[in-house]
Amino acid sequence: MRVAVTDDHRVVREGIRYMLSEAPGVEVVAEAESGEALLELVAVEEIDVVLLDVRLPGMSGLDVLERLTETAPQVRVLMLSMHDQPAYVRRAIELGAAGYVLKSAGRDELLTALKVASENGTYLPGELMEPLVADMTGGTRATGKLSPRERQVLQLVADGFENKQVATELEISEATVKTYLRGVFERLDVSSRAEAVAVGLRLGIIE
């Protein structure tokens, strides 16, 4: 099994390489510190499974996953993250991920996840299953996490409004719009408008 590791922290990449160094039948053939770098590697390297960090500079891991699903469907992708929010997990699976592994996972769990992914299965650790099922069945919704104004701003962003247009629509300053967005990012634990919209849609905060 030929594996590529994508994480913007060198220590994480080296740690995973070390964990897999003596695993029979597993070879780390490539490393990338960004989504853009990974896409270039996949175009020239024969890779079976990608370990892909959810949070990356530039393109997010979910954006990269979506691109890989379209351009290299033969490559299995395991999302790697310290975040266990059901919205992230659900979105990853919807986009075609072969599983979701927490960075707290040990060597045995990582090898199990790789094996499941390589055999065209889907790996999810037990601690993620219950909250994911609850999220999918409406058992957990985050509408209360955002104020009415924050939800209004996020809805307009989802509708394609830029900050200046949001400000005009709501009759507030552009600086105030940015303040509301920072609050949205913090409460939803995201770092970009696209991620905020994706999470908002998954959680039913916006339509």
C-alpha atoms as a PDB file:
ATOM      1  CA  MET A   1       0.000   0.000   0.000  1.00  0.00           C
ATOM      2  CA  ARG A   2       1.511   3.297  -1.125  1.00  0.00           C
ATOM      3  CA  VAL A   3       0.619   6.135   1.256  1.00  0.00           C
ATOM      4  CA  ALA A   4       0.922   9.927   1.010  1.00  0.00           C
ATOM      5  CA  VAL A   5       0.795  12.079   4.147  1.00  0.00           C
ATOM      6  CA  THR A   6      -0.504  15.657   3.940  1.00  0.00           C
ATOM      7  CA  ASP A   7      -0.181  17.961   6.940  1.00  0.00           C
ATOM      8  CA  ASP A   8       1.218  21.467   7.288  1.00  0.00           C
ATOM      9  CA  HIS A   9       3.193  20.471  10.392  1.00  0.00           C
ATOM     10  CA  ARG A  10       6.439  18.670   9.655  1.00  0.00           C
ATOM     11  CA  VAL A  11       6.492  16.997  13.065  1.00  0.00           C
ATOM     12  CA  VAL A  12       3.109  15.377  12.328  1.00  0.00           C
ATOM     13  CA  ARG A  13       4.273  14.090   8.945  1.00  0.00           C
ATOM     14  CA  GLU A  14       7.487  12.698  10.415  1.00  0.00           C
ATOM     15  CA  GLY A  15       5.575  11.136  13.302  1.00  0.00           C
ATOM     16  CA  ILE A  16       3.221   9.309  10.952  1.00  0.00           C
ATOM     17  CA  ARG A  17       6.113   8.191   8.757  1.00  0.00           C
ATOM     18  CA  TYR A  18       7.840   6.766  11.831  1.00  0.00           C
ATOM     19  CA  MET A  19       4.651   5.019  12.998  1.00  0.00           C
ATOM     20  CA  LEU A  20       4.275   3.336   9.619  1.00  0.00           C
ATOM     21  CA  SER A  21       7.974   2.679   8.943  1.00  0.00           C
ATOM     22  CA  GLU A  22       7.901  -0.958  10.060  1.00  0.00           C
ATOM     23  CA  ALA A  23       4.346  -1.826   9.070  1.00  0.00           C
ATOM     24  CA  PRO A  24       4.388  -4.714   6.592  1.00  0.00           C
ATOM     25  CA  GLY A  25       2.978  -3.860   3.198  1.00  0.00           C
ATOM     26  CA  VAL A  26       2.775  -0.121   3.919  1.00  0.00           C
ATOM     27  CA  GLU A  27       5.117   2.450   2.405  1.00  0.00           C
ATOM     28  CA  VAL A  28       4.982   6.227   2.819  1.00  0.00           C
ATOM     29  CA  VAL A  29       5.967   7.336  -0.672  1.00  0.00           C
ATOM     30  CA  ALA A  30       5.192  11.051  -0.473  1.00  0.00           C
ATOM     31  CA  GLU A  31       4.621  13.964   1.904  1.00  0.00           C
ATOM     32  CA  ALA A  32       2.939  17.299   1.274  1.00  0.00           C
ATOM     33  CA  GLU A  33       2.489  20.366   3.451  1.00  0.00           C
ATOM     34  CA  SER A  34      -0.461  21.793   1.519  1.00  0.00           C
ATOM     35  CA  GLY A  35      -3.409  20.692  -0.559  1.00  0.00           C
ATOM     36  CA  GLU A  36      -1.951  22.223  -3.687  1.00  0.00           C
ATOM     37  CA  ALA A  37       1.275  20.256  -3.203  1.00  0.00           C
ATOM     38  CA  LEU A  38      -0.674  17.032  -2.707  1.00  0.00           C
ATOM     39  CA  LEU A  39      -2.631  17.503  -5.937  1.00  0.00           C
ATOM     40  CA  GLU A  40       0.657  17.891  -7.798  1.00  0.00           C
ATOM     41  CA  LEU A  41       2.022  14.714  -6.184  1.00  0.00           C
ATOM     42  CA  VAL A  42      -1.063  12.667  -7.021  1.00  0.00           C
ATOM     43  CA  ALA A  43      -0.679  13.680 -10.657  1.00  0.00           C
ATOM     44  CA  VAL A  44       2.807  12.138 -10.902  1.00  0.00           C
ATOM     45  CA  GLU A  45       3.009   9.509  -8.132  1.00  0.00           C
ATOM     46  CA  GLU A  46       1.208   6.186  -7.837  1.00  0.00           C
ATOM     47  CA  ILE A  47      -0.626   6.562  -4.520  1.00  0.00           C
ATOM     48  CA  ASP A  48      -3.186   4.197  -3.001  1.00  0.00           C
ATOM     49  CA  VAL A  49      -4.226   6.029   0.170  1.00  0.00           C
ATOM     50  CA  VAL A  50      -3.846   9.648   1.250  1.00  0.00           C
ATOM     51  CA  LEU A  51      -3.820  10.753   4.880  1.00  0.00           C
ATOM     52  CA  LEU A  52      -5.186  14.295   4.577  1.00  0.00           C
ATOM     53  CA  ASP A  53      -5.374  16.909   7.326  1.00  0.00           C
ATOM     54  CA  VAL A  54      -8.751  18.681   7.480  1.00  0.00           C
ATOM     55  CA  ARG A  55      -7.210  22.062   8.302  1.00  0.00           C
ATOM     56  CA  LEU A  56      -4.580  23.195   5.802  1.00  0.00           C
ATOM     57  CA  PRO A  57      -3.278  26.587   4.663  1.00  0.00           C
ATOM     58  CA  GLY A  58      -4.774  27.667   1.356  1.00  0.00           C
ATOM     59  CA  MET A  59      -7.161  24.965   0.199  1.00  0.00           C
ATOM     60  CA  SER A  60      -8.837  23.223   3.115  1.00  0.00           C
ATOM     61  CA  GLY A  61      -8.633  19.470   3.404  1.00  0.00           C
ATOM     62  CA  LEU A  62     -12.299  19.188   2.459  1.00  0.00           C
ATOM     63  CA  ASP A  63     -11.696  21.258  -0.685  1.00  0.00           C
ATOM     64  CA  VAL A  64      -8.776  18.992  -1.598  1.00  0.00           C
ATOM     65  CA  LEU A  65     -10.902  15.906  -0.938  1.00  0.00           C
ATOM     66  CA  GLU A  66     -13.582  17.188  -3.283  1.00  0.00           C
ATOM     67  CA  ARG A  67     -10.983  17.821  -5.993  1.00  0.00           C
ATOM     68  CA  LEU A  68      -9.427  14.364  -5.565  1.00  0.00           C
ATOM     69  CA  THR A  69     -12.834  12.700  -5.755  1.00  0.00           C
ATOM     70  CA  GLU A  70     -13.288  14.302  -9.160  1.00  0.00           C
ATOM     71  CA  THR A  71      -9.756  13.975 -10.588  1.00  0.00           C
ATOM     72  CA  ALA A  72      -8.351  10.842  -8.927  1.00  0.00           C
ATOM     73  CA  PRO A  73     -11.268   8.674  -7.767  1.00  0.00           C
ATOM     74  CA  GLN A  74      -8.969   5.648  -7.517  1.00  0.00           C
ATOM     75  CA  VAL A  75      -7.113   7.256  -4.596  1.00  0.00           C
ATOM     76  CA  ARG A  76      -8.629   6.516  -1.196  1.00  0.00           C
ATOM     77  CA  VAL A  77      -8.597   9.446   1.222  1.00  0.00           C
ATOM     78  CA  LEU A  78      -8.531   9.236   5.020  1.00  0.00           C
ATOM     79  CA  MET A  79      -9.173  12.571   6.700  1.00  0.00           C
ATOM     80  CA  LEU A  80      -6.842  13.278   9.609  1.00  0.00           C
ATOM     81  CA  SER A  81      -7.858  15.800  12.257  1.00  0.00           C
ATOM     82  CA  MET A  82      -7.858  16.810  15.891  1.00  0.00           C
ATOM     83  CA  HIS A  83     -11.456  17.990  15.448  1.00  0.00           C
ATOM     84  CA  ASP A  84     -14.269  15.557  16.174  1.00  0.00           C
ATOM     85  CA  GLN A  85     -17.247  17.764  15.287  1.00  0.00           C
ATOM     86  CA  PRO A  86     -19.970  15.698  13.563  1.00  0.00           C
ATOM     87  CA  ALA A  87     -20.324  18.341  10.829  1.00  0.00           C
ATOM     88  CA  TYR A  88     -16.724  17.834   9.693  1.00  0.00           C
ATOM     89  CA  VAL A  89     -17.059  14.050   9.741  1.00  0.00           C
ATOM     90  CA  ARG A  90     -20.355  14.057   7.908  1.00  0.00           C
ATOM     91  CA  ARG A  91     -19.153  16.457   5.239  1.00  0.00           C
ATOM     92  CA  ALA A  92     -15.999  14.404   4.684  1.00  0.00           C
ATOM     93  CA  ILE A  93     -18.004  11.218   4.178  1.00  0.00           C
ATOM     94  CA  GLU A  94     -20.437  13.007   1.867  1.00  0.00           C
ATOM     95  CA  LEU A  95     -17.495  14.181  -0.261  1.00  0.00           C
ATOM     96  CA  GLY A  96     -16.189  10.635  -0.627  1.00  0.00           C
ATOM     97  CA  ALA A  97     -13.664  10.185   2.173  1.00  0.00           C
ATOM     98  CA  ALA A  98     -12.749   6.604   3.020  1.00  0.00           C
ATOM     99  CA  GLY A  99     -12.776   7.490   6.697  1.00  0.00           C
ATOM    100  CA  TYR A 100     -11.899   9.940   9.437  1.00  0.00           C
ATOM    101  CA  VAL A 101      -9.028   9.435  11.881  1.00  0.00           C
ATOM    102  CA  LEU A 102      -8.341  11.582  14.919  1.00  0.00           C
ATOM    103  CA  LYS A 103      -4.752  12.725  15.465  1.00  0.00           C
ATOM    104  CA  SER A 104      -4.907  11.148  18.902  1.00  0.00           C
ATOM    105  CA  ALA A 105      -5.108   7.705  17.260  1.00  0.00           C
ATOM    106  CA  GLY A 106      -2.366   5.191  17.958  1.00  0.00           C
ATOM    107  CA  ARG A 107      -0.383   3.106  15.486  1.00  0.00           C
ATOM    108  CA  ASP A 108      -2.742   0.123  15.561  1.00  0.00           C
ATOM    109  CA  GLU A 109      -5.813   2.255  14.868  1.00  0.00           C
ATOM    110  CA  LEU A 110      -4.062   4.095  12.050  1.00  0.00           C
ATOM    111  CA  LEU A 111      -3.061   0.790  10.436  1.00  0.00           C
ATOM    112  CA  THR A 112      -6.619  -0.496  10.791  1.00  0.00           C
ATOM    113  CA  ALA A 113      -7.979   2.633   9.131  1.00  0.00           C
ATOM    114  CA  LEU A 114      -5.495   2.307   6.264  1.00  0.00           C
ATOM    115  CA  LYS A 115      -6.413  -1.343   5.763  1.00  0.00           C
ATOM    116  CA  VAL A 116     -10.141  -0.582   5.724  1.00  0.00           C
ATOM    117  CA  ALA A 117      -9.617   2.274   3.265  1.00  0.00           C
ATOM    118  CA  SER A 118      -7.437   0.186   0.950  1.00  0.00           C
ATOM    119  CA  GLU A 119     -10.154  -2.466   0.837  1.00  0.00           C
ATOM    120  CA  ASN A 120     -12.749   0.112  -0.260  1.00  0.00           C
ATOM    121  CA  GLY A 121     -14.364   0.287   3.164  1.00  0.00           C
ATOM    122  CA  THR A 122     -15.126   3.315   5.343  1.00  0.00           C
ATOM    123  CA  TYR A 123     -13.392   3.757   8.678  1.00  0.00           C
ATOM    124  CA  LEU A 124     -14.849   5.756  11.568  1.00  0.00           C
ATOM    125  CA  PRO A 125     -13.615   5.382  15.153  1.00  0.00           C
ATOM    126  CA  GLY A 126     -16.224   4.393  17.707  1.00  0.00           C
ATOM    127  CA  GLU A 127     -16.156   7.731  19.538  1.00  0.00           C
ATOM    128  CA  LEU A 128     -17.275   9.512  16.366  1.00  0.00           C
ATOM    129  CA  MET A 129     -20.152   7.201  15.473  1.00  0.00           C
ATOM    130  CA  GLU A 130     -22.690   8.264  18.111  1.00  0.00           C
ATOM    131  CA  PRO A 131     -22.378  12.046  17.567  1.00  0.00           C
ATOM    132  CA  LEU A 132     -22.388  11.521  13.789  1.00  0.00           C
ATOM    133  CA  VAL A 133     -25.579   9.478  13.914  1.00  0.00           C
ATOM    134  CA  ALA A 134     -27.148  12.075  16.205  1.00  0.00           C
ATOM    135  CA  ASP A 135     -26.207  14.841  13.790  1.00  0.00           C
ATOM    136  CA  MET A 136     -27.594  12.952  10.787  1.00  0.00           C
ATOM    137  CA  THR A 137     -30.878  12.264  12.568  1.00  0.00           C
ATOM    138  CA  GLY A 138     -31.273  15.794  13.885  1.00  0.00           C
ATOM    139  CA  GLY A 139     -30.269  14.911  17.416  1.00  0.00           C
ATOM    140  CA  THR A 140     -27.654  17.641  17.567  1.00  0.00           C
ATOM    141  CA  ARG A 141     -28.156  20.998  15.953  1.00  0.00           C
ATOM    142  CA  ALA A 142     -26.042  24.095  16.511  1.00  0.00           C
ATOM    143  CA  THR A 143     -28.521  26.842  15.698  1.00  0.00           C
ATOM    144  CA  GLY A 144     -28.262  28.119  19.258  1.00  0.00           C
ATOM    145  CA  LYS A 145     -24.536  28.710  18.899  1.00  0.00           C
ATOM    146  CA  LEU A 146     -25.018  31.724  16.634  1.00  0.00           C
ATOM    147  CA  SER A 147     -26.903  34.886  17.403  1.00  0.00           C
ATOM    148  CA  PRO A 148     -29.785  35.816  15.068  1.00  0.00           C
ATOM    149  CA  ARG A 149     -27.586  38.489  13.445  1.00  0.00           C
ATOM    150  CA  GLU A 150     -24.692  36.060  12.965  1.00  0.00           C
ATOM    151  CA  ARG A 151     -27.034  33.578  11.311  1.00  0.00           C
ATOM    152  CA  GLN A 152     -28.348  36.372   9.097  1.00  0.00           C
ATOM    153  CA  VAL A 153     -24.820  37.333   8.034  1.00  0.00           C
ATOM    154  CA  LEU A 154     -23.895  33.702   7.362  1.00  0.00           C
ATOM    155  CA  GLN A 155     -27.030  33.196   5.277  1.00  0.00           C
ATOM    156  CA  LEU A 156     -26.153  36.177   3.093  1.00  0.00           C
ATOM    157  CA  VAL A 157     -22.603  34.865   2.663  1.00  0.00           C
ATOM    158  CA  ALA A 158     -24.088  31.533   1.595  1.00  0.00           C
ATOM    159  CA  ASP A 159     -26.239  33.414  -0.914  1.00  0.00           C
ATOM    160  CA  GLY A 160     -23.071  34.800  -2.497  1.00  0.00           C
ATOM    161  CA  PHE A 161     -22.937  38.256  -0.895  1.00  0.00           C
ATOM    162  CA  GLU A 162     -19.523  39.835  -0.362  1.00  0.00           C
ATOM    163  CA  ASN A 163     -18.865  41.736   2.881  1.00  0.00           C
ATOM    164  CA  LYS A 164     -19.690  45.093   1.324  1.00  0.00           C
ATOM    165  CA  GLN A 165     -22.979  43.771  -0.042  1.00  0.00           C
ATOM    166  CA  VAL A 166     -23.851  42.228   3.341  1.00  0.00           C
ATOM    167  CA  ALA A 167     -23.178  45.578   4.987  1.00  0.00           C
ATOM    168  CA  THR A 168     -25.466  47.361   2.509  1.00  0.00           C
ATOM    169  CA  GLU A 169     -28.207  44.762   2.866  1.00  0.00           C
ATOM    170  CA  LEU A 170     -28.201  44.903   6.675  1.00  0.00           C
ATOM    171  CA  GLU A 171     -27.441  48.628   6.886  1.00  0.00           C
ATOM    172  CA  ILE A 172     -24.342  48.119   9.012  1.00  0.00           C
ATOM    173  CA  SER A 173     -20.668  48.899   8.434  1.00  0.00           C
ATOM    174  CA  GLU A 174     -18.338  46.517   6.640  1.00  0.00           C
ATOM    175  CA  ALA A 175     -16.190  46.398   9.791  1.00  0.00           C
ATOM    176  CA  THR A 176     -19.214  45.181  11.738  1.00  0.00           C
ATOM    177  CA  VAL A 177     -19.806  42.462   9.159  1.00  0.00           C
ATOM    178  CA  LYS A 178     -16.229  41.280   9.659  1.00  0.00           C
ATOM    179  CA  THR A 179     -16.777  41.230  13.413  1.00  0.00           C
ATOM    180  CA  TYR A 180     -19.870  39.054  13.016  1.00  0.00           C
ATOM    181  CA  LEU A 181     -17.976  36.719  10.683  1.00  0.00           C
ATOM    182  CA  ARG A 182     -15.130  36.342  13.177  1.00  0.00           C
ATOM    183  CA  GLY A 183     -17.733  35.311  15.730  1.00  0.00           C
ATOM    184  CA  VAL A 184     -19.210  32.793  13.294  1.00  0.00           C
ATOM    185  CA  PHE A 185     -15.767  31.325  12.559  1.00  0.00           C
ATOM    186  CA  GLU A 186     -14.996  30.966  16.256  1.00  0.00           C
ATOM    187  CA  ARG A 187     -18.316  29.376  17.197  1.00  0.00           C
ATOM    188  CA  LEU A 188     -18.297  26.923  14.277  1.00  0.00           C
ATOM    189  CA  ASP A 189     -14.552  26.259  14.640  1.00  0.00           C
ATOM    190  CA  VAL A 190     -13.761  27.088  11.015  1.00  0.00           C
ATOM    191  CA  SER A 191     -11.230  29.337   9.321  1.00  0.00           C
ATOM    192  CA  SER A 192     -12.863  30.392   6.050  1.00  0.00           C
ATOM    193  CA  ARG A 193     -16.154  31.585   4.589  1.00  0.00           C
ATOM    194  CA  ALA A 194     -16.478  28.383   2.536  1.00  0.00           C
ATOM    195  CA  GLU A 195     -16.035  26.199   5.619  1.00  0.00           C
ATOM    196  CA  ALA A 196     -18.515  28.320   7.584  1.00  0.00           C
ATOM    197  CA  VAL A 197     -21.125  27.917   4.856  1.00  0.00           C
ATOM    198  CA  ALA A 198     -20.480  24.163   4.578  1.00  0.00           C
ATOM    199  CA  VAL A 199     -20.810  23.647   8.328  1.00  0.00           C
ATOM    200  CA  GLY A 200     -23.807  25.949   8.511  1.00  0.00           C
ATOM    201  CA  LEU A 201     -25.600  23.935   5.833  1.00  0.00           C
ATOM    202  CA  ARG A 202     -24.762  20.642   7.517  1.00  0.00           C
ATOM    203  CA  LEU A 203     -26.016  21.821  10.883  1.00  0.00           C
ATOM    204  CA  GLY A 204     -29.178  23.409   9.535  1.00  0.00           C
ATOM    205  CA  ILE A 205     -28.166  26.920  10.611  1.00  0.00           C
ATOM    206  CA  ILE A 206     -28.726  28.223   7.087  1.00  0.00           C
ATOM    207  CA  GLU A 207     -30.460  26.986   3.962  1.00  0.00           C
END
